[in-house]
Protein backbone atom coordinates (compact mmCIF):
# COMPACT_ATOMS: atom_id res chain seq x y z
CA MET A 1 0.00 0.00 0.00
CA PHE A 2 1.12 3.56 -0.76
CA THR A 3 0.10 7.15 -0.05
CA GLY A 4 0.45 8.87 -3.42
CA ILE A 5 3.28 11.07 -2.12
CA VAL A 6 6.03 10.61 -4.70
CA GLN A 7 9.51 10.39 -3.20
CA ASP A 8 11.60 10.43 -6.36
CA VAL A 9 11.42 10.79 -10.12
CA GLY A 10 13.52 7.99 -11.55
CA ARG A 11 14.31 7.10 -15.15
CA VAL A 12 13.92 3.95 -17.16
CA LEU A 13 17.42 2.67 -17.92
CA SER A 14 16.52 -0.36 -19.99
CA ARG A 15 13.54 -2.23 -21.42
CA GLU A 16 13.72 -5.92 -22.25
CA GLY A 17 10.97 -8.06 -23.74
CA ARG A 18 10.68 -11.46 -22.10
CA GLY A 19 8.30 -13.96 -23.64
CA GLY A 20 5.47 -11.50 -24.13
CA ASP A 21 5.93 -9.50 -20.96
CA LEU A 22 8.53 -6.91 -20.02
CA ARG A 23 11.47 -6.31 -17.70
CA LEU A 24 12.30 -2.71 -16.81
CA THR A 25 15.42 -1.48 -15.07
CA ILE A 26 14.93 1.84 -13.31
CA GLY A 27 17.48 4.23 -11.88
CA CYS A 28 16.68 6.56 -9.00
CA GLU A 29 18.39 9.52 -7.38
CA GLN A 30 16.70 10.32 -4.07
CA LEU A 31 14.93 7.04 -3.28
CA ASP A 32 16.88 5.21 -0.57
CA LEU A 33 17.33 1.57 -1.62
CA SER A 34 19.87 0.73 1.09
CA GLY A 35 17.27 -1.09 3.19
CA ALA A 36 15.32 -2.55 0.28
CA HIS A 37 15.13 -6.27 -0.45
CA VAL A 38 14.27 -8.36 -3.46
CA GLY A 39 10.53 -8.95 -3.26
CA ASP A 40 9.70 -5.49 -1.90
CA SER A 41 6.90 -3.52 -3.52
CA VAL A 42 7.52 -0.20 -5.22
CA CYS A 43 5.05 2.10 -6.92
CA VAL A 44 6.13 3.01 -10.47
CA GLN A 45 3.87 5.51 -12.28
CA GLY A 46 1.08 4.46 -9.94
CA CYS A 47 1.55 0.71 -10.47
CA CYS A 48 2.51 -1.61 -7.63
CA LEU A 49 5.44 -3.71 -8.86
CA THR A 50 7.87 -6.14 -7.24
CA ALA A 51 11.60 -5.43 -7.17
CA ILE A 52 13.28 -8.55 -8.57
CA GLU A 53 16.84 -7.16 -8.72
CA LEU A 54 18.60 -4.45 -6.70
CA GLU A 55 22.00 -2.94 -7.39
CA GLY A 56 23.18 0.41 -6.06
CA LYS A 57 20.68 3.06 -7.14
CA THR A 58 18.88 0.82 -9.62
CA PHE A 59 16.21 -1.84 -9.41
CA ALA A 60 14.48 -4.10 -11.92
CA VAL A 61 10.82 -5.10 -12.16
CA ASP A 62 8.86 -7.53 -14.30
CA VAL A 63 5.67 -6.21 -15.90
CA SER A 64 3.08 -8.85 -16.74
CA ARG A 65 0.86 -8.94 -19.83
CA GLU A 66 -2.10 -8.00 -17.64
CA THR A 67 -0.34 -4.87 -16.38
CA LEU A 68 0.84 -3.98 -19.87
CA ALA A 69 -2.73 -4.23 -21.15
CA LEU A 70 -4.28 -2.10 -18.39
CA THR A 71 -1.66 0.62 -17.80
CA THR A 72 0.75 2.91 -19.65
CA LEU A 73 3.85 0.95 -18.60
CA GLY A 74 4.13 -0.58 -22.05
CA ASP A 75 4.84 2.94 -23.38
CA LEU A 76 7.97 3.36 -21.25
CA VAL A 77 11.30 3.52 -23.06
CA PRO A 78 14.84 4.20 -21.83
CA GLY A 79 15.05 7.78 -20.60
CA THR A 80 11.39 8.10 -19.64
CA PRO A 81 10.93 9.71 -16.19
CA VAL A 82 8.75 7.78 -13.73
CA ASN A 83 7.21 8.60 -10.35
CA LEU A 84 8.52 6.37 -7.55
CA GLU A 85 7.24 5.62 -4.05
CA PRO A 86 8.24 2.79 -1.69
CA ALA A 87 5.59 0.79 0.14
CA LEU A 88 4.01 2.37 3.20
CA ARG A 89 5.35 1.10 6.52
CA ALA A 90 3.41 0.96 9.77
CA GLY A 91 3.83 4.30 11.54
CA ASP A 92 4.67 6.27 8.37
CA PRO A 93 2.71 9.51 7.87
CA LEU A 94 -0.28 9.16 5.55
CA GLY A 95 0.23 12.43 3.71
CA GLY A 96 -1.93 11.67 0.69
CA HIS A 97 -4.59 8.98 0.68
CA LEU A 98 -4.62 5.19 0.63
CA VAL A 99 -3.31 4.01 -2.73
CA TYR A 100 -3.09 0.33 -3.65
CA GLY A 101 -1.14 0.67 -6.88
CA HIS A 102 -3.89 -1.25 -8.71
CA ILE A 103 -4.74 0.81 -11.78
CA ASP A 104 -8.44 1.14 -12.60
CA GLY A 105 -7.96 2.52 -16.09
CA VAL A 106 -5.95 4.69 -18.43
CA ALA A 107 -7.17 8.28 -18.70
CA ARG A 108 -6.21 11.06 -21.10
CA VAL A 109 -5.26 14.70 -20.50
CA THR A 110 -7.65 16.89 -22.50
CA ASP A 111 -6.64 20.37 -21.34
CA VAL A 112 -3.73 22.10 -19.60
CA GLU A 113 -4.13 25.69 -18.41
CA SER A 114 -2.10 28.03 -16.22
CA GLU A 115 -3.93 29.09 -13.08
CA ALA A 116 -1.84 31.54 -11.04
CA ARG A 117 1.31 29.51 -10.22
CA SER A 118 -0.49 26.19 -10.65
CA GLN A 119 -1.41 24.15 -13.67
CA ARG A 120 -5.02 23.13 -14.11
CA LEU A 121 -5.36 19.71 -15.76
CA THR A 122 -8.57 18.36 -17.20
CA ILE A 123 -8.48 14.59 -17.48
CA ALA A 124 -10.98 12.32 -19.24
CA ALA A 125 -11.42 9.01 -17.42
CA PRO A 126 -13.02 5.85 -18.82
CA ALA A 127 -16.81 6.21 -18.60
CA ALA A 128 -17.10 3.25 -16.20
CA LEU A 129 -15.07 5.16 -13.59
CA ALA A 130 -17.24 8.30 -13.58
CA ARG A 131 -19.27 7.09 -10.58
CA TYR A 132 -16.14 7.07 -8.42
CA LEU A 133 -15.17 10.70 -9.11
CA ALA A 134 -16.44 13.33 -6.68
CA PRO A 135 -15.50 16.99 -6.10
CA LYS A 136 -13.02 17.24 -3.20
CA GLY A 137 -12.52 13.48 -3.37
CA SER A 138 -9.15 11.82 -3.92
CA VAL A 139 -7.64 10.27 -7.04
CA ALA A 140 -4.18 8.98 -7.95
CA VAL A 141 -2.81 10.09 -11.34
CA ASP A 142 0.41 8.31 -12.32
CA GLY A 143 0.81 7.51 -8.63
CA VAL A 144 0.33 11.10 -7.39
CA SER A 145 -2.37 11.73 -4.78
CA LEU A 146 -4.55 14.63 -5.94
CA THR A 147 -7.75 16.35 -4.86
CA ILE A 148 -10.48 16.48 -7.48
CA ASN A 149 -11.62 20.09 -7.94
CA SER A 150 -14.41 19.59 -10.44
CA VAL A 151 -16.28 16.79 -12.19
CA GLU A 152 -18.24 16.84 -15.43
CA GLY A 153 -19.36 13.43 -16.58
CA ALA A 154 -16.24 11.26 -16.72
CA SER A 155 -13.91 14.28 -16.91
CA PHE A 156 -12.39 15.89 -13.84
CA GLY A 157 -10.12 18.81 -13.04
CA VAL A 158 -7.11 18.92 -10.72
CA ASN A 159 -4.61 21.63 -9.83
CA ILE A 160 -0.91 20.87 -9.89
CA ILE A 161 0.91 23.21 -7.51
CA PRO A 162 4.53 24.28 -8.24
CA HIS A 163 6.00 21.74 -5.79
CA THR A 164 4.13 18.86 -7.46
CA GLN A 165 5.19 20.12 -10.89
CA ARG A 166 8.84 19.90 -9.79
CA ALA A 167 8.69 16.74 -7.66
CA THR A 168 6.68 14.52 -10.04
CA THR A 169 6.20 13.92 -13.75
CA LEU A 170 2.84 15.73 -13.77
CA GLY A 171 4.41 19.09 -14.62
CA GLN A 172 5.49 17.63 -17.97
CA LEU A 173 2.04 16.47 -19.06
CA ALA A 174 0.58 17.88 -22.28
CA VAL A 175 -2.78 17.53 -23.98
CA GLY A 176 -3.19 13.99 -25.27
CA ALA A 177 -0.94 12.38 -22.64
CA ARG A 178 -2.13 9.04 -21.27
CA VAL A 179 -2.01 8.60 -17.50
CA ASN A 180 -2.61 5.76 -15.06
CA LEU A 181 -5.68 6.34 -12.93
CA GLU A 182 -6.60 4.80 -9.58
CA VAL A 183 -9.84 5.93 -7.98
CA ASP A 184 -10.31 6.24 -4.24
CA PRO A 185 -10.54 2.63 -2.98
CA ILE A 186 -13.10 3.67 -0.36
CA ALA A 187 -15.47 4.80 -3.14
CA ARG A 188 -14.87 1.52 -4.96
CA TYR A 189 -15.76 -0.56 -1.89
CA ILE A 190 -18.83 1.53 -1.05
CA HIS A 191 -20.12 1.01 -4.59
CA ARG A 192 -19.55 -2.73 -4.33
CA LEU A 193 -21.21 -2.97 -0.91
CA MET A 194 -24.26 -1.10 -2.19
CA LEU A 195 -24.81 -3.44 -5.13
CA PRO A 196 -26.76 -6.18 -3.28
CA TYR A 197 -29.04 -3.58 -1.68
CA THR A 198 -29.57 -1.79 -5.02
CA GLU A 199 -30.36 -5.03 -6.85
CA PHE A 200 -32.80 -6.11 -4.12
CA HIS A 201 -34.44 -2.71 -3.84
CA THR A 202 -35.04 -2.35 -7.58
CA SER A 203 -36.51 -5.85 -7.84
CA VAL A 204 -39.21 -5.19 -5.22
CA PRO A 205 -42.54 -4.05 -6.83
C-alpha cells in the first residue's frame, strides 16, 4: 500500500521483452534503496510492482501482460521519467490517501491551463469510472495523490501546484498524454457494498 506522495522521479534505464511481458530497469536519485530487499513492492507511475533485482541506485521489475494491457507501462522507453514511491510502513505519515497501486484505467489529459502559479489539468477518465469521481474526493494520477476540484461526466479537473510540478512527472504532461488512474478505494468498496441492496431494492414491486 502507498500514499500517493512521490519520493523520487527515476528514469527507465533499460527495457527488455521477455516472452510477451517486459522487464524494466529503473534508476533513481533520491529514493533510498539501502534497506530494500528483493521482493519489496515499489510504486512506479502508480503501479505496484515487485523489485526482482537491486544494485546500487537501480532496481528491476517484471511487468506482466495484464499490467501492460491495463496501464501505460508498455509505453515506457529508456530515458522516460517515472514517479517512484516505496511501500508504506506501519507508523509512516499518511500524507496523501490510501493508494493500492492497482490501476483502474488509463485516462487522457484533454486540457492544460495556467492558473496563477499552478497548472489546471482536465483529465478524461473511462466512462465506467465516472461514478467514483467526486468533487473534493481523492484520485491517484500516475501515482500522485490529488484532490479532485471539479467533475463533469467522466472528466475531472485537478490543480498541480509548483511543488508537485517539480517533484513529479505531472508538470510535464501535455494535452493527449495518457495517465494511469486509480480511484479512491473507499469509493470503490462503497459502490460494491451497495450493489446487493440496489439489486434487491429495484426488484421489489
